[in-house]
Amino acid sequence: MWQALIVGLIVLAAAAYAVWALLPAALRLRLAQGIGAWGRKPGRAAWLTRASTAVERAARARMGGCSDCSAVQAAPTPRSDRAKH
């Protein structure tokens, strides 16, 4: 009985993670902001506040940006070995 319950919880957690990871980034961020706002309401347990803040921070970190992209290249440096006219 307990084994089936534990396996069911593991499968549920894995399915929730897969859905979360495959959501579009904008929707994932909006959901994370909602979870963060819900967890920061007065009267919530401290662990719940920390967990909801961590979810929101992780969603923001995965958003990325142009500076994180490998396609962004540094500005070309001027060549100093060119002969001046």
N, C-alpha and C. Protein backbone atom coordinates (compact mmCIF):
# COMPACT_ATOMS: atom_id res chain seq x y z
N MET A 1 0.81 -1.20 0.00
CA MET A 1 0.00 0.00 0.00
C MET A 1 0.86 1.26 0.00
N TRP A 2 1.83 1.31 0.93
CA TRP A 2 2.68 2.50 1.01
C TRP A 2 3.54 2.66 -0.24
N GLN A 3 3.99 1.55 -0.77
CA GLN A 3 4.83 1.60 -1.96
C GLN A 3 4.07 2.21 -3.14
N ALA A 4 2.83 1.82 -3.29
CA ALA A 4 2.02 2.36 -4.39
C ALA A 4 1.79 3.85 -4.20
N LEU A 5 1.59 4.28 -2.97
CA LEU A 5 1.40 5.70 -2.68
C LEU A 5 2.66 6.50 -2.99
N ILE A 6 3.81 5.99 -2.59
CA ILE A 6 5.08 6.67 -2.86
C ILE A 6 5.35 6.73 -4.35
N VAL A 7 5.13 5.63 -5.06
CA VAL A 7 5.33 5.61 -6.51
C VAL A 7 4.38 6.60 -7.19
N GLY A 8 3.14 6.64 -6.73
CA GLY A 8 2.18 7.60 -7.29
C GLY A 8 2.62 9.04 -7.09
N LEU A 9 3.15 9.36 -5.91
CA LEU A 9 3.64 10.72 -5.65
C LEU A 9 4.85 11.07 -6.52
N ILE A 10 5.73 10.09 -6.72
CA ILE A 10 6.90 10.32 -7.58
C ILE A 10 6.46 10.56 -9.02
N VAL A 11 5.52 9.77 -9.50
CA VAL A 11 5.01 9.95 -10.87
C VAL A 11 4.31 11.29 -11.01
N LEU A 12 3.53 11.68 -10.01
CA LEU A 12 2.86 12.98 -10.04
C LEU A 12 3.86 14.12 -10.06
N ALA A 13 4.91 14.02 -9.25
CA ALA A 13 5.94 15.07 -9.23
C ALA A 13 6.66 15.14 -10.58
N ALA A 14 6.96 14.01 -11.17
CA ALA A 14 7.64 13.99 -12.47
C ALA A 14 6.75 14.58 -13.56
N ALA A 15 5.47 14.26 -13.53
CA ALA A 15 4.54 14.81 -14.53
C ALA A 15 4.40 16.32 -14.36
N ALA A 16 4.33 16.79 -13.10
CA ALA A 16 4.23 18.23 -12.86
C ALA A 16 5.48 18.95 -13.34
N TYR A 17 6.64 18.36 -13.11
CA TYR A 17 7.89 18.97 -13.58
C TYR A 17 7.93 19.01 -15.11
N ALA A 18 7.51 17.96 -15.76
CA ALA A 18 7.52 17.93 -17.23
C ALA A 18 6.58 18.99 -17.80
N VAL A 19 5.41 19.12 -17.23
CA VAL A 19 4.46 20.14 -17.70
C VAL A 19 5.05 21.53 -17.48
N TRP A 20 5.64 21.77 -16.30
CA TRP A 20 6.24 23.06 -15.98
C TRP A 20 7.37 23.40 -16.94
N ALA A 21 8.22 22.43 -17.22
CA ALA A 21 9.38 22.66 -18.09
C ALA A 21 8.97 22.91 -19.54
N LEU A 22 7.85 22.33 -19.97
CA LEU A 22 7.43 22.47 -21.36
C LEU A 22 6.48 23.65 -21.61
N LEU A 23 6.06 24.33 -20.55
CA LEU A 23 5.20 25.50 -20.72
C LEU A 23 5.98 26.62 -21.41
N PRO A 24 5.30 27.46 -22.16
CA PRO A 24 5.98 28.64 -22.71
C PRO A 24 6.50 29.51 -21.57
N ALA A 25 7.61 30.18 -21.80
CA ALA A 25 8.28 30.94 -20.75
C ALA A 25 7.39 32.03 -20.17
N ALA A 26 6.62 32.71 -20.99
CA ALA A 26 5.77 33.79 -20.49
C ALA A 26 4.69 33.24 -19.56
N LEU A 27 4.10 32.12 -19.91
CA LEU A 27 3.07 31.52 -19.07
C LEU A 27 3.69 30.99 -17.78
N ARG A 28 4.86 30.38 -17.89
CA ARG A 28 5.55 29.87 -16.71
C ARG A 28 5.88 31.01 -15.74
N LEU A 29 6.32 32.15 -16.27
CA LEU A 29 6.63 33.29 -15.42
C LEU A 29 5.36 33.84 -14.77
N ARG A 30 4.28 33.93 -15.52
CA ARG A 30 3.02 34.42 -14.96
C ARG A 30 2.53 33.50 -13.85
N LEU A 31 2.61 32.20 -14.06
CA LEU A 31 2.22 31.26 -13.01
C LEU A 31 3.13 31.36 -11.79
N ALA A 32 4.44 31.52 -12.02
CA ALA A 32 5.38 31.65 -10.92
C ALA A 32 5.13 32.92 -10.12
N GLN A 33 4.77 34.00 -10.80
CA GLN A 33 4.45 35.23 -10.09
C GLN A 33 3.19 35.05 -9.25
N GLY A 34 2.22 34.33 -9.76
CA GLY A 34 1.02 34.04 -8.98
C GLY A 34 1.32 33.18 -7.77
N ILE A 35 2.18 32.18 -7.95
CA ILE A 35 2.57 31.32 -6.82
C ILE A 35 3.34 32.15 -5.79
N GLY A 36 4.22 33.04 -6.27
CA GLY A 36 4.98 33.88 -5.36
C GLY A 36 4.09 34.82 -4.57
N ALA A 37 3.11 35.43 -5.24
CA ALA A 37 2.18 36.34 -4.55
C ALA A 37 1.34 35.58 -3.54
N TRP A 38 0.90 34.38 -3.90
CA TRP A 38 0.11 33.56 -2.99
C TRP A 38 0.93 33.17 -1.75
N GLY A 39 2.20 32.84 -1.96
CA GLY A 39 3.04 32.40 -0.85
C GLY A 39 3.47 33.52 0.07
N ARG A 40 3.45 34.75 -0.42
CA ARG A 40 3.88 35.89 0.41
C ARG A 40 2.74 36.53 1.18
N LYS A 41 1.54 36.01 1.06
CA LYS A 41 0.42 36.57 1.81
C LYS A 41 0.67 36.43 3.30
N PRO A 42 0.19 37.39 4.08
CA PRO A 42 0.39 37.30 5.53
C PRO A 42 -0.26 36.05 6.11
N GLY A 43 0.41 35.46 7.08
CA GLY A 43 -0.12 34.28 7.74
C GLY A 43 0.37 32.97 7.15
N ARG A 44 1.11 33.01 6.07
CA ARG A 44 1.65 31.78 5.48
C ARG A 44 2.87 31.31 6.28
N ALA A 45 3.10 30.04 6.25
CA ALA A 45 4.27 29.48 6.93
C ALA A 45 5.55 29.99 6.27
N ALA A 46 6.61 30.08 7.05
CA ALA A 46 7.89 30.61 6.53
C ALA A 46 8.43 29.72 5.41
N TRP A 47 8.30 28.41 5.56
CA TRP A 47 8.83 27.52 4.52
C TRP A 47 8.06 27.68 3.22
N LEU A 48 6.77 27.98 3.32
CA LEU A 48 5.96 28.17 2.12
C LEU A 48 6.34 29.48 1.43
N THR A 49 6.64 30.50 2.21
CA THR A 49 7.09 31.77 1.64
C THR A 49 8.42 31.59 0.92
N ARG A 50 9.35 30.87 1.55
CA ARG A 50 10.65 30.63 0.92
C ARG A 50 10.51 29.79 -0.35
N ALA A 51 9.65 28.78 -0.30
CA ALA A 51 9.47 27.90 -1.46
C ALA A 51 8.83 28.66 -2.62
N SER A 52 7.83 29.48 -2.35
CA SER A 52 7.17 30.22 -3.44
C SER A 52 8.10 31.27 -4.02
N THR A 53 8.93 31.89 -3.17
CA THR A 53 9.91 32.85 -3.68
C THR A 53 10.96 32.14 -4.53
N ALA A 54 11.36 30.94 -4.12
CA ALA A 54 12.34 30.18 -4.91
C ALA A 54 11.78 29.78 -6.26
N VAL A 55 10.51 29.42 -6.32
CA VAL A 55 9.87 29.07 -7.60
C VAL A 55 9.87 30.28 -8.52
N GLU A 56 9.53 31.43 -7.97
CA GLU A 56 9.49 32.64 -8.78
C GLU A 56 10.89 33.02 -9.26
N ARG A 57 11.88 32.92 -8.40
CA ARG A 57 13.26 33.26 -8.77
C ARG A 57 13.77 32.31 -9.85
N ALA A 58 13.45 31.03 -9.73
CA ALA A 58 13.89 30.04 -10.72
C ALA A 58 13.24 30.31 -12.08
N ALA A 59 11.97 30.70 -12.08
CA ALA A 59 11.30 30.99 -13.35
C ALA A 59 11.91 32.21 -14.01
N ARG A 60 12.27 33.21 -13.21
CA ARG A 60 12.91 34.40 -13.79
C ARG A 60 14.29 34.08 -14.33
N ALA A 61 15.02 33.21 -13.66
CA ALA A 61 16.37 32.84 -14.11
C ALA A 61 16.33 32.10 -15.43
N ARG A 62 15.29 31.30 -15.64
CA ARG A 62 15.20 30.52 -16.88
C ARG A 62 14.70 31.34 -18.06
N MET A 63 14.26 32.58 -17.80
CA MET A 63 13.78 33.43 -18.88
C MET A 63 14.91 33.76 -19.84
N GLY A 64 16.10 33.94 -19.30
CA GLY A 64 17.23 34.27 -20.15
C GLY A 64 17.11 35.65 -20.72
N GLY A 65 17.90 35.94 -21.67
CA GLY A 65 17.87 37.23 -22.30
C GLY A 65 18.94 37.27 -23.37
N CYS A 66 19.00 38.35 -24.05
CA CYS A 66 19.96 38.46 -25.15
C CYS A 66 21.40 38.35 -24.67
N SER A 67 21.69 38.80 -23.47
CA SER A 67 23.06 38.73 -23.00
C SER A 67 23.48 37.30 -22.68
N ASP A 68 22.52 36.42 -22.43
CA ASP A 68 22.83 35.03 -22.13
C ASP A 68 22.97 34.18 -23.39
N CYS A 69 22.50 34.69 -24.51
CA CYS A 69 22.47 33.91 -25.73
C CYS A 69 23.87 33.77 -26.31
N SER A 70 24.18 32.59 -26.80
CA SER A 70 25.49 32.38 -27.39
C SER A 70 25.62 33.05 -28.76
N ALA A 71 24.50 33.50 -29.32
CA ALA A 71 24.55 34.17 -30.61
C ALA A 71 25.03 35.62 -30.48
N VAL A 72 24.97 36.16 -29.26
CA VAL A 72 25.43 37.52 -29.05
C VAL A 72 26.95 37.51 -29.09
N GLN A 73 27.49 38.36 -29.91
CA GLN A 73 28.93 38.43 -30.04
C GLN A 73 29.42 39.77 -29.52
N ALA A 74 30.60 39.77 -28.99
CA ALA A 74 31.18 41.00 -28.48
C ALA A 74 31.47 41.94 -29.65
N ALA A 75 31.52 43.22 -29.35
CA ALA A 75 31.83 44.21 -30.39
C ALA A 75 33.24 43.94 -30.91
N PRO A 76 33.44 44.06 -32.21
CA PRO A 76 34.77 43.79 -32.75
C PRO A 76 35.79 44.80 -32.21
N THR A 77 36.95 44.27 -31.86
CA THR A 77 38.00 45.14 -31.37
C THR A 77 38.80 45.68 -32.54
N PRO A 78 39.20 46.92 -32.48
CA PRO A 78 39.97 47.48 -33.60
C PRO A 78 41.34 46.81 -33.68
N ARG A 79 41.76 46.59 -34.90
CA ARG A 79 43.06 45.95 -35.12
C ARG A 79 44.15 47.00 -34.94
N SER A 80 45.11 46.68 -34.13
CA SER A 80 46.19 47.63 -33.86
C SER A 80 47.37 47.45 -34.80
N ASP A 81 47.40 46.36 -35.58
CA ASP A 81 48.52 46.09 -36.45
C ASP A 81 48.35 46.68 -37.86
N ARG A 82 47.29 47.44 -38.08
CA ARG A 82 47.07 48.04 -39.39
C ARG A 82 47.99 49.24 -39.57
N ALA A 83 48.47 49.38 -40.76
CA ALA A 83 49.34 50.52 -41.07
C ALA A 83 48.50 51.75 -41.25
N LYS A 84 48.95 52.84 -40.70
CA LYS A 84 48.23 54.10 -40.83
C LYS A 84 48.76 54.86 -42.02
N HIS A 85 47.86 55.49 -42.74
CA HIS A 85 48.24 56.24 -43.94
C HIS A 85 48.52 57.66 -43.62
